[in-house]
């Protein structure tokens, strides 16, 4: 998919009206996109540089840009709930997903995180995604293919349980599933020593169970757990204030690294409760 330059036939573009509402269309010769503020001809967009403003038949202005990955994720058709960009960014960063990495993903869902992982590993890396539900896999394949313009050749989507994985070693693993503790043995066998495991869970009970299961395995560094909260701010001159709505809790993230065979990590110090 083309990322820069003048708009061409087949480009996916995002229209933004004066109220900040977004509309998406794929450019075709002679095509029209109809809104409640009039129609926008595709020919008026073709050949224009990105960041141009075009007018509808009613005279209303629309800013034209190519959608970013964050725009696509928030508007993509979905079966399973998508991983929000605020969490996907931390998974890629905290998981240290690097160009050329071999990544194992469980829970492809609607394909939102898969797009971020494929972007991060680049053409020299690979992403193997497992999804137990065929209907979710259909959504994931369609969304990933639509975003990249084709199914990436370095992406392997499998409709199966991760416990069946028998492929080569991987550098990173990401779990977004109901019971991640059930596949920890398979992940530990697939991940290289020093590799990073990222787990995405929605509830406190899931968080507790997966962290304790990782500790019992004795092959991980001490797991770190956190959540991220995102709040926008309105800035108009010196009138600077937080917005009334925010993206609060979406999930907990857990991160740990694989130990070398036979290594036992030092027991973390925990302060004892005072006796009464």
C-alpha atoms as a PDB file:
ATOM      1  CA  UNK A   1       0.000   0.000   0.000  1.00  0.00           C
ATOM      2  CA  UNK A   2       1.370   3.398  -0.985  1.00  0.00           C
ATOM      3  CA  UNK A   3       2.167   5.644   1.985  1.00  0.00           C
ATOM      4  CA  UNK A   4       3.186   8.980   0.426  1.00  0.00           C
ATOM      5  CA  UNK A   5       2.903  11.047  -2.744  1.00  0.00           C
ATOM      6  CA  UNK A   6      -0.078  12.270  -4.771  1.00  0.00           C
ATOM      7  CA  UNK A   7      -3.286  10.268  -4.514  1.00  0.00           C
ATOM      8  CA  UNK A   8      -3.661   7.500  -7.087  1.00  0.00           C
ATOM      9  CA  UNK A   9      -6.375   5.068  -8.162  1.00  0.00           C
ATOM     10  CA  UNK A  10      -6.821   2.376  -5.503  1.00  0.00           C
ATOM     11  CA  UNK A  11      -5.576   4.528  -2.614  1.00  0.00           C
ATOM     12  CA  UNK A  12      -7.545   4.355   0.626  1.00  0.00           C
ATOM     13  CA  UNK A  13      -8.149   7.917   1.801  1.00  0.00           C
ATOM     14  CA  UNK A  14      -9.690   9.481   4.878  1.00  0.00           C
ATOM     15  CA  UNK A  15     -11.974  12.514   4.644  1.00  0.00           C
ATOM     16  CA  UNK A  16     -12.350  14.748   7.704  1.00  0.00           C
ATOM     17  CA  UNK A  17     -15.148  17.317   7.910  1.00  0.00           C
ATOM     18  CA  UNK A  18     -15.262  20.558   9.914  1.00  0.00           C
ATOM     19  CA  UNK A  19     -16.567  18.704  12.990  1.00  0.00           C
ATOM     20  CA  UNK A  20     -13.699  16.191  12.955  1.00  0.00           C
ATOM     21  CA  UNK A  21     -15.791  13.291  11.666  1.00  0.00           C
ATOM     22  CA  UNK A  22     -13.929  10.761   9.543  1.00  0.00           C
ATOM     23  CA  UNK A  23     -15.039   9.016   6.346  1.00  0.00           C
ATOM     24  CA  UNK A  24     -13.040   6.470   4.368  1.00  0.00           C
ATOM     25  CA  UNK A  25     -13.174   5.697   0.653  1.00  0.00           C
ATOM     26  CA  UNK A  26     -11.083   3.873  -1.956  1.00  0.00           C
ATOM     27  CA  UNK A  27     -10.342   6.016  -4.992  1.00  0.00           C
ATOM     28  CA  UNK A  28     -11.673   4.953  -8.395  1.00  0.00           C
ATOM     29  CA  UNK A  29     -11.971   6.927 -11.661  1.00  0.00           C
ATOM     30  CA  UNK A  30     -15.385   8.588 -11.931  1.00  0.00           C
ATOM     31  CA  UNK A  31     -16.382   7.472  -8.419  1.00  0.00           C
ATOM     32  CA  UNK A  32     -18.377   9.500  -5.906  1.00  0.00           C
ATOM     33  CA  UNK A  33     -18.602   9.404  -2.127  1.00  0.00           C
ATOM     34  CA  UNK A  34     -21.876  10.654  -0.668  1.00  0.00           C
ATOM     35  CA  UNK A  35     -22.217  12.320   2.724  1.00  0.00           C
ATOM     36  CA  UNK A  36     -25.037  14.270   4.357  1.00  0.00           C
ATOM     37  CA  UNK A  37     -23.077  17.379   3.315  1.00  0.00           C
ATOM     38  CA  UNK A  38     -23.012  16.504  -0.368  1.00  0.00           C
ATOM     39  CA  UNK A  39     -21.039  14.235  -2.670  1.00  0.00           C
ATOM     40  CA  UNK A  40     -17.276  14.267  -3.179  1.00  0.00           C
ATOM     41  CA  UNK A  41     -16.007  13.150  -6.570  1.00  0.00           C
ATOM     42  CA  UNK A  42     -13.006  10.845  -6.583  1.00  0.00           C
ATOM     43  CA  UNK A  43     -11.597  12.726  -9.557  1.00  0.00           C
ATOM     44  CA  UNK A  44     -11.311  15.878  -7.407  1.00  0.00           C
ATOM     45  CA  UNK A  45      -8.979  13.935  -5.080  1.00  0.00           C
ATOM     46  CA  UNK A  46      -6.923  11.970  -7.634  1.00  0.00           C
ATOM     47  CA  UNK A  47      -3.574  13.637  -8.292  1.00  0.00           C
ATOM     48  CA  UNK A  48      -3.829  15.952  -5.286  1.00  0.00           C
ATOM     49  CA  UNK A  49      -1.011  15.966  -2.711  1.00  0.00           C
ATOM     50  CA  UNK A  50      -1.784  14.447   0.660  1.00  0.00           C
ATOM     51  CA  UNK A  51      -3.137  17.025   3.101  1.00  0.00           C
ATOM     52  CA  UNK A  52      -5.266  18.808   0.489  1.00  0.00           C
ATOM     53  CA  UNK A  53      -8.771  20.166   1.040  1.00  0.00           C
ATOM     54  CA  UNK A  54     -11.559  19.339  -1.411  1.00  0.00           C
ATOM     55  CA  UNK A  55     -15.159  20.538  -1.449  1.00  0.00           C
ATOM     56  CA  UNK A  56     -18.363  18.562  -1.708  1.00  0.00           C
ATOM     57  CA  UNK A  57     -21.146  19.434  -4.144  1.00  0.00           C
ATOM     58  CA  UNK A  58     -22.672  21.505  -1.310  1.00  0.00           C
ATOM     59  CA  UNK A  59     -19.454  23.507  -0.945  1.00  0.00           C
ATOM     60  CA  UNK A  60     -18.413  21.963   2.393  1.00  0.00           C
ATOM     61  CA  UNK A  61     -14.631  21.479   2.829  1.00  0.00           C
ATOM     62  CA  UNK A  62     -13.063  18.089   3.618  1.00  0.00           C
ATOM     63  CA  UNK A  63      -9.440  17.450   4.550  1.00  0.00           C
ATOM     64  CA  UNK A  64      -7.996  14.483   2.625  1.00  0.00           C
ATOM     65  CA  UNK A  65      -5.246  12.277   4.076  1.00  0.00           C
ATOM     66  CA  UNK A  66      -4.225   8.649   3.929  1.00  0.00           C
ATOM     67  CA  UNK A  67      -5.436   6.932   7.123  1.00  0.00           C
ATOM     68  CA  UNK A  68      -2.806   5.996   9.689  1.00  0.00           C
ATOM     69  CA  UNK A  69      -2.732   2.555  11.282  1.00  0.00           C
ATOM     70  CA  UNK A  70      -4.457   3.994  14.374  1.00  0.00           C
ATOM     71  CA  UNK A  71      -7.271   5.340  12.172  1.00  0.00           C
ATOM     72  CA  UNK A  72      -7.673   1.993  10.447  1.00  0.00           C
ATOM     73  CA  UNK A  73      -7.718   0.005  13.694  1.00  0.00           C
ATOM     74  CA  UNK A  74     -10.408   2.143  15.302  1.00  0.00           C
ATOM     75  CA  UNK A  75     -12.649   1.917  12.238  1.00  0.00           C
ATOM     76  CA  UNK A  76     -11.990  -1.640  11.012  1.00  0.00           C
ATOM     77  CA  UNK A  77     -14.797  -4.218  10.870  1.00  0.00           C
ATOM     78  CA  UNK A  78     -14.395  -6.480  13.850  1.00  0.00           C
ATOM     79  CA  UNK A  79     -15.445  -9.825  15.189  1.00  0.00           C
ATOM     80  CA  UNK A  80     -13.455  -9.884  18.413  1.00  0.00           C
ATOM     81  CA  UNK A  81     -12.719  -6.708  20.361  1.00  0.00           C
ATOM     82  CA  UNK A  82      -9.559  -5.059  19.032  1.00  0.00           C
ATOM     83  CA  UNK A  83      -6.501  -4.269  21.122  1.00  0.00           C
ATOM     84  CA  UNK A  84      -6.537  -0.481  21.408  1.00  0.00           C
ATOM     85  CA  UNK A  85      -3.564   1.396  19.957  1.00  0.00           C
ATOM     86  CA  UNK A  86      -2.485   2.556  23.432  1.00  0.00           C
ATOM     87  CA  UNK A  87      -1.978  -1.093  24.417  1.00  0.00           C
ATOM     88  CA  UNK A  88      -0.644  -2.278  21.048  1.00  0.00           C
ATOM     89  CA  UNK A  89       2.050   0.409  21.188  1.00  0.00           C
ATOM     90  CA  UNK A  90       3.190  -0.796  24.605  1.00  0.00           C
ATOM     91  CA  UNK A  91       3.173  -4.434  23.488  1.00  0.00           C
ATOM     92  CA  UNK A  92       5.468  -3.579  20.568  1.00  0.00           C
ATOM     93  CA  UNK A  93       7.702  -1.327  22.689  1.00  0.00           C
ATOM     94  CA  UNK A  94       7.853  -3.276  25.964  1.00  0.00           C
ATOM     95  CA  UNK A  95       8.085  -6.521  24.005  1.00  0.00           C
ATOM     96  CA  UNK A  96      10.995  -5.078  22.036  1.00  0.00           C
ATOM     97  CA  UNK A  97       9.588  -6.327  18.721  1.00  0.00           C
ATOM     98  CA  UNK A  98      12.428  -5.510  16.334  1.00  0.00           C
ATOM     99  CA  UNK A  99      12.888  -5.603  12.542  1.00  0.00           C
ATOM    100  CA  UNK A 100      13.552  -9.197  11.513  1.00  0.00           C
ATOM    101  CA  UNK A 101      12.049 -10.706  14.669  1.00  0.00           C
ATOM    102  CA  UNK A 102      10.185 -14.018  14.656  1.00  0.00           C
ATOM    103  CA  UNK A 103       6.939 -13.424  16.545  1.00  0.00           C
ATOM    104  CA  UNK A 104       4.401 -15.969  17.786  1.00  0.00           C
ATOM    105  CA  UNK A 105       0.912 -14.548  18.406  1.00  0.00           C
ATOM    106  CA  UNK A 106      -2.018 -16.356  20.036  1.00  0.00           C
ATOM    107  CA  UNK A 107      -5.438 -14.776  19.618  1.00  0.00           C
ATOM    108  CA  UNK A 108      -5.421 -13.045  16.224  1.00  0.00           C
ATOM    109  CA  UNK A 109      -8.918 -11.677  16.931  1.00  0.00           C
ATOM    110  CA  UNK A 110      -9.756  -8.964  14.390  1.00  0.00           C
ATOM    111  CA  UNK A 111      -6.140  -8.520  13.276  1.00  0.00           C
ATOM    112  CA  UNK A 112      -5.473  -5.118  14.860  1.00  0.00           C
ATOM    113  CA  UNK A 113      -2.389  -6.170  16.845  1.00  0.00           C
ATOM    114  CA  UNK A 114      -1.239  -8.352  13.953  1.00  0.00           C
ATOM    115  CA  UNK A 115      -0.958  -5.226  11.775  1.00  0.00           C
ATOM    116  CA  UNK A 116       1.275  -3.574  14.384  1.00  0.00           C
ATOM    117  CA  UNK A 117       3.437  -6.688  14.748  1.00  0.00           C
ATOM    118  CA  UNK A 118       3.895  -7.049  10.985  1.00  0.00           C
ATOM    119  CA  UNK A 119       4.830  -3.369  10.723  1.00  0.00           C
ATOM    120  CA  UNK A 120       7.402  -3.803  13.514  1.00  0.00           C
ATOM    121  CA  UNK A 121       9.113  -6.955  12.192  1.00  0.00           C
ATOM    122  CA  UNK A 122       9.258  -5.649   8.631  1.00  0.00           C
ATOM    123  CA  UNK A 123       9.686  -7.837   5.535  1.00  0.00           C
ATOM    124  CA  UNK A 124      12.669  -9.614   7.102  1.00  0.00           C
ATOM    125  CA  UNK A 125      10.690 -10.898  10.079  1.00  0.00           C
ATOM    126  CA  UNK A 126       7.801 -13.313  10.486  1.00  0.00           C
ATOM    127  CA  UNK A 127       4.543 -13.395  12.434  1.00  0.00           C
ATOM    128  CA  UNK A 128       2.764 -16.680  13.125  1.00  0.00           C
ATOM    129  CA  UNK A 129      -0.773 -16.060  14.429  1.00  0.00           C
ATOM    130  CA  UNK A 130      -2.959 -18.696  16.067  1.00  0.00           C
ATOM    131  CA  UNK A 131      -6.733 -18.305  16.340  1.00  0.00           C
ATOM    132  CA  UNK A 132      -9.056 -21.045  17.607  1.00  0.00           C
ATOM    133  CA  UNK A 133     -12.212 -19.467  16.162  1.00  0.00           C
ATOM    134  CA  UNK A 134     -12.626 -19.656  12.407  1.00  0.00           C
ATOM    135  CA  UNK A 135     -15.011 -16.660  12.308  1.00  0.00           C
ATOM    136  CA  UNK A 136     -12.424 -14.484  14.047  1.00  0.00           C
ATOM    137  CA  UNK A 137      -9.714 -15.718  11.675  1.00  0.00           C
ATOM    138  CA  UNK A 138     -11.853 -14.628   8.716  1.00  0.00           C
ATOM    139  CA  UNK A 139     -12.081 -11.088  10.161  1.00  0.00           C
ATOM    140  CA  UNK A 140      -8.341 -11.031  10.900  1.00  0.00           C
ATOM    141  CA  UNK A 141      -7.327 -12.133   7.401  1.00  0.00           C
ATOM    142  CA  UNK A 142      -9.664  -9.632   5.741  1.00  0.00           C
ATOM    143  CA  UNK A 143      -8.555  -6.703   7.907  1.00  0.00           C
ATOM    144  CA  UNK A 144      -4.825  -7.407   7.614  1.00  0.00           C
ATOM    145  CA  UNK A 145      -5.088  -7.960   3.856  1.00  0.00           C
ATOM    146  CA  UNK A 146      -7.093  -4.756   3.420  1.00  0.00           C
ATOM    147  CA  UNK A 147      -4.593  -2.671   5.369  1.00  0.00           C
ATOM    148  CA  UNK A 148      -1.482  -3.960   3.571  1.00  0.00           C
ATOM    149  CA  UNK A 149      -3.156  -4.262   0.168  1.00  0.00           C
ATOM    150  CA  UNK A 150      -2.374  -7.989   0.076  1.00  0.00           C
ATOM    151  CA  UNK A 151      -1.851 -10.820   2.517  1.00  0.00           C
ATOM    152  CA  UNK A 152       1.719 -10.279   3.772  1.00  0.00           C
ATOM    153  CA  UNK A 153       3.962 -13.160   2.626  1.00  0.00           C
ATOM    154  CA  UNK A 154       5.684 -13.222   6.036  1.00  0.00           C
ATOM    155  CA  UNK A 155       2.411 -13.798   7.926  1.00  0.00           C
ATOM    156  CA  UNK A 156       1.165 -17.294   8.737  1.00  0.00           C
ATOM    157  CA  UNK A 157      -2.401 -17.434  10.119  1.00  0.00           C
ATOM    158  CA  UNK A 158      -3.366 -20.795  11.600  1.00  0.00           C
ATOM    159  CA  UNK A 159      -6.810 -21.854  12.835  1.00  0.00           C
ATOM    160  CA  UNK A 160      -5.612 -24.024  15.699  1.00  0.00           C
ATOM    161  CA  UNK A 161      -4.707 -24.045  19.391  1.00  0.00           C
ATOM    162  CA  UNK A 162      -1.250 -22.747  20.254  1.00  0.00           C
ATOM    163  CA  UNK A 163      -0.531 -25.909  22.266  1.00  0.00           C
ATOM    164  CA  UNK A 164      -0.073 -27.653  18.889  1.00  0.00           C
ATOM    165  CA  UNK A 165       2.812 -25.366  17.857  1.00  0.00           C
ATOM    166  CA  UNK A 166       5.798 -27.424  16.684  1.00  0.00           C
ATOM    167  CA  UNK A 167       7.641 -24.886  14.552  1.00  0.00           C
ATOM    168  CA  UNK A 168      11.066 -23.257  14.940  1.00  0.00           C
ATOM    169  CA  UNK A 169      12.109 -21.094  17.868  1.00  0.00           C
ATOM    170  CA  UNK A 170      10.731 -17.566  18.074  1.00  0.00           C
ATOM    171  CA  UNK A 171      12.138 -14.330  19.491  1.00  0.00           C
ATOM    172  CA  UNK A 172       8.914 -12.870  20.892  1.00  0.00           C
ATOM    173  CA  UNK A 173       5.510 -14.223  21.935  1.00  0.00           C
ATOM    174  CA  UNK A 174       2.253 -12.326  22.478  1.00  0.00           C
ATOM    175  CA  UNK A 175      -0.804 -13.896  24.113  1.00  0.00           C
ATOM    176  CA  UNK A 176      -4.272 -12.332  23.881  1.00  0.00           C
ATOM    177  CA  UNK A 177      -6.600 -15.119  24.943  1.00  0.00           C
ATOM    178  CA  UNK A 178      -9.054 -16.182  27.618  1.00  0.00           C
ATOM    179  CA  UNK A 179      -6.775 -18.652  29.425  1.00  0.00           C
ATOM    180  CA  UNK A 180      -3.131 -17.862  28.559  1.00  0.00           C
ATOM    181  CA  UNK A 181      -1.861 -20.070  31.417  1.00  0.00           C
ATOM    182  CA  UNK A 182      -2.972 -23.119  29.406  1.00  0.00           C
ATOM    183  CA  UNK A 183      -0.358 -22.481  26.676  1.00  0.00           C
ATOM    184  CA  UNK A 184       2.585 -21.334  28.797  1.00  0.00           C
ATOM    185  CA  UNK A 185       4.361 -24.680  28.433  1.00  0.00           C
ATOM    186  CA  UNK A 186       4.151 -24.495  24.639  1.00  0.00           C
ATOM    187  CA  UNK A 187       5.327 -20.874  24.653  1.00  0.00           C
ATOM    188  CA  UNK A 188       8.258 -21.682  26.946  1.00  0.00           C
ATOM    189  CA  UNK A 189       9.306 -24.433  24.555  1.00  0.00           C
ATOM    190  CA  UNK A 190       9.130 -22.159  21.519  1.00  0.00           C
ATOM    191  CA  UNK A 191      10.740 -18.992  22.886  1.00  0.00           C
ATOM    192  CA  UNK A 192      14.515 -18.512  22.732  1.00  0.00           C
ATOM    193  CA  UNK A 193      16.440 -17.845  25.931  1.00  0.00           C
ATOM    194  CA  UNK A 194      16.164 -14.142  26.648  1.00  0.00           C
ATOM    195  CA  UNK A 195      13.049 -13.893  24.488  1.00  0.00           C
ATOM    196  CA  UNK A 196      10.156 -11.712  25.618  1.00  0.00           C
ATOM    197  CA  UNK A 197       6.637 -12.866  26.462  1.00  0.00           C
ATOM    198  CA  UNK A 198       3.809 -10.315  26.482  1.00  0.00           C
ATOM    199  CA  UNK A 199       0.382 -11.245  27.861  1.00  0.00           C
ATOM    200  CA  UNK A 200      -2.818  -9.217  27.454  1.00  0.00           C
ATOM    201  CA  UNK A 201      -5.678 -10.046  29.851  1.00  0.00           C
ATOM    202  CA  UNK A 202      -8.844  -8.151  30.720  1.00  0.00           C
ATOM    203  CA  UNK A 203      -9.640  -9.055  34.334  1.00  0.00           C
ATOM    204  CA  UNK A 204      -7.935  -9.135  37.721  1.00  0.00           C
ATOM    205  CA  UNK A 205      -8.618 -12.856  38.141  1.00  0.00           C
ATOM    206  CA  UNK A 206      -6.954 -13.609  34.785  1.00  0.00           C
ATOM    207  CA  UNK A 207      -4.021 -11.392  35.750  1.00  0.00           C
ATOM    208  CA  UNK A 208      -3.503 -13.176  39.062  1.00  0.00           C
ATOM    209  CA  UNK A 209      -3.754 -16.642  37.578  1.00  0.00           C
ATOM    210  CA  UNK A 210      -1.396 -16.110  34.660  1.00  0.00           C
ATOM    211  CA  UNK A 211       1.268 -14.381  36.784  1.00  0.00           C
ATOM    212  CA  UNK A 212       1.197 -17.144  39.411  1.00  0.00           C
ATOM    213  CA  UNK A 213       1.341 -19.788  36.661  1.00  0.00           C
ATOM    214  CA  UNK A 214       4.424 -18.091  35.209  1.00  0.00           C
ATOM    215  CA  UNK A 215       6.085 -18.061  38.621  1.00  0.00           C
ATOM    216  CA  UNK A 216       5.382 -21.755  39.093  1.00  0.00           C
ATOM    217  CA  UNK A 217       7.105 -22.576  35.792  1.00  0.00           C
ATOM    218  CA  UNK A 218      10.435 -21.291  37.109  1.00  0.00           C
ATOM    219  CA  UNK A 219      11.620 -20.393  33.609  1.00  0.00           C
ATOM    220  CA  UNK A 220      10.681 -16.709  33.511  1.00  0.00           C
ATOM    221  CA  UNK A 221      12.026 -13.544  35.017  1.00  0.00           C
ATOM    222  CA  UNK A 222       9.722 -11.998  37.626  1.00  0.00           C
ATOM    223  CA  UNK A 223       6.619 -10.897  35.668  1.00  0.00           C
ATOM    224  CA  UNK A 224       5.786  -7.185  35.508  1.00  0.00           C
ATOM    225  CA  UNK A 225       2.134  -6.161  35.277  1.00  0.00           C
ATOM    226  CA  UNK A 226       0.529  -2.787  34.548  1.00  0.00           C
ATOM    227  CA  UNK A 227      -2.301  -0.998  32.773  1.00  0.00           C
ATOM    228  CA  UNK A 228      -2.308   2.198  30.719  1.00  0.00           C
ATOM    229  CA  UNK A 229      -4.840   5.011  30.906  1.00  0.00           C
ATOM    230  CA  UNK A 230      -5.092   7.630  28.179  1.00  0.00           C
ATOM    231  CA  UNK A 231      -6.656  11.056  28.633  1.00  0.00           C
ATOM    232  CA  UNK A 232      -6.762  13.798  26.031  1.00  0.00           C
ATOM    233  CA  UNK A 233      -6.403  17.515  26.762  1.00  0.00           C
ATOM    234  CA  UNK A 234      -8.087  20.531  25.168  1.00  0.00           C
ATOM    235  CA  UNK A 235      -5.630  23.339  24.439  1.00  0.00           C
ATOM    236  CA  UNK A 236      -6.949  26.748  23.325  1.00  0.00           C
ATOM    237  CA  UNK A 237      -4.506  29.498  24.220  1.00  0.00           C
ATOM    238  CA  UNK A 238      -4.193  29.484  28.019  1.00  0.00           C
ATOM    239  CA  UNK A 239      -7.460  27.554  28.396  1.00  0.00           C
ATOM    240  CA  UNK A 240      -5.805  24.181  28.951  1.00  0.00           C
ATOM    241  CA  UNK A 241      -7.890  21.470  30.594  1.00  0.00           C
ATOM    242  CA  UNK A 242      -8.383  17.687  30.492  1.00  0.00           C
ATOM    243  CA  UNK A 243     -11.156  16.262  28.381  1.00  0.00           C
ATOM    244  CA  UNK A 244     -14.176  14.858  30.181  1.00  0.00           C
ATOM    245  CA  UNK A 245     -13.845  11.406  28.624  1.00  0.00           C
ATOM    246  CA  UNK A 246     -10.810   9.139  28.549  1.00  0.00           C
ATOM    247  CA  UNK A 247      -9.735   5.671  27.501  1.00  0.00           C
ATOM    248  CA  UNK A 248      -9.470   4.033  30.885  1.00  0.00           C
ATOM    249  CA  UNK A 249      -8.961   0.383  31.679  1.00  0.00           C
ATOM    250  CA  UNK A 250      -8.960  -1.848  28.624  1.00  0.00           C
ATOM    251  CA  UNK A 251      -6.675  -4.625  29.845  1.00  0.00           C
ATOM    252  CA  UNK A 252      -3.674  -5.570  31.947  1.00  0.00           C
ATOM    253  CA  UNK A 253      -0.299  -6.178  30.315  1.00  0.00           C
ATOM    254  CA  UNK A 254       2.251  -8.666  31.662  1.00  0.00           C
ATOM    255  CA  UNK A 255       5.867  -8.899  30.529  1.00  0.00           C
ATOM    256  CA  UNK A 256       8.587 -11.455  31.328  1.00  0.00           C
ATOM    257  CA  UNK A 257      11.714 -12.893  29.705  1.00  0.00           C
ATOM    258  CA  UNK A 258      12.685 -16.514  29.159  1.00  0.00           C
ATOM    259  CA  UNK A 259      15.516 -17.804  31.333  1.00  0.00           C
ATOM    260  CA  UNK A 260      18.333 -20.034  30.094  1.00  0.00           C
ATOM    261  CA  UNK A 261      17.734 -23.777  30.644  1.00  0.00           C
ATOM    262  CA  UNK A 262      18.406 -24.821  34.223  1.00  0.00           C
ATOM    263  CA  UNK A 263      18.542 -21.249  35.512  1.00  0.00           C
ATOM    264  CA  UNK A 264      16.519 -20.247  38.560  1.00  0.00           C
ATOM    265  CA  UNK A 265      15.901 -16.534  38.984  1.00  0.00           C
ATOM    266  CA  UNK A 266      16.572 -15.034  42.435  1.00  0.00           C
ATOM    267  CA  UNK A 267      13.450 -14.950  44.569  1.00  0.00           C
ATOM    268  CA  UNK A 268      12.097 -11.387  44.618  1.00  0.00           C
ATOM    269  CA  UNK A 269      12.111  -9.728  48.017  1.00  0.00           C
ATOM    270  CA  UNK A 270       8.664  -9.011  49.382  1.00  0.00           C
ATOM    271  CA  UNK A 271       8.090  -7.139  52.586  1.00  0.00           C
ATOM    272  CA  UNK A 272       6.359  -9.267  55.208  1.00  0.00           C
ATOM    273  CA  UNK A 273       3.163  -8.111  56.805  1.00  0.00           C
ATOM    274  CA  UNK A 274       3.669  -6.857  60.365  1.00  0.00           C
ATOM    275  CA  UNK A 275       2.330  -9.207  63.032  1.00  0.00           C
ATOM    276  CA  UNK A 276      -0.315  -7.861  65.353  1.00  0.00           C
END
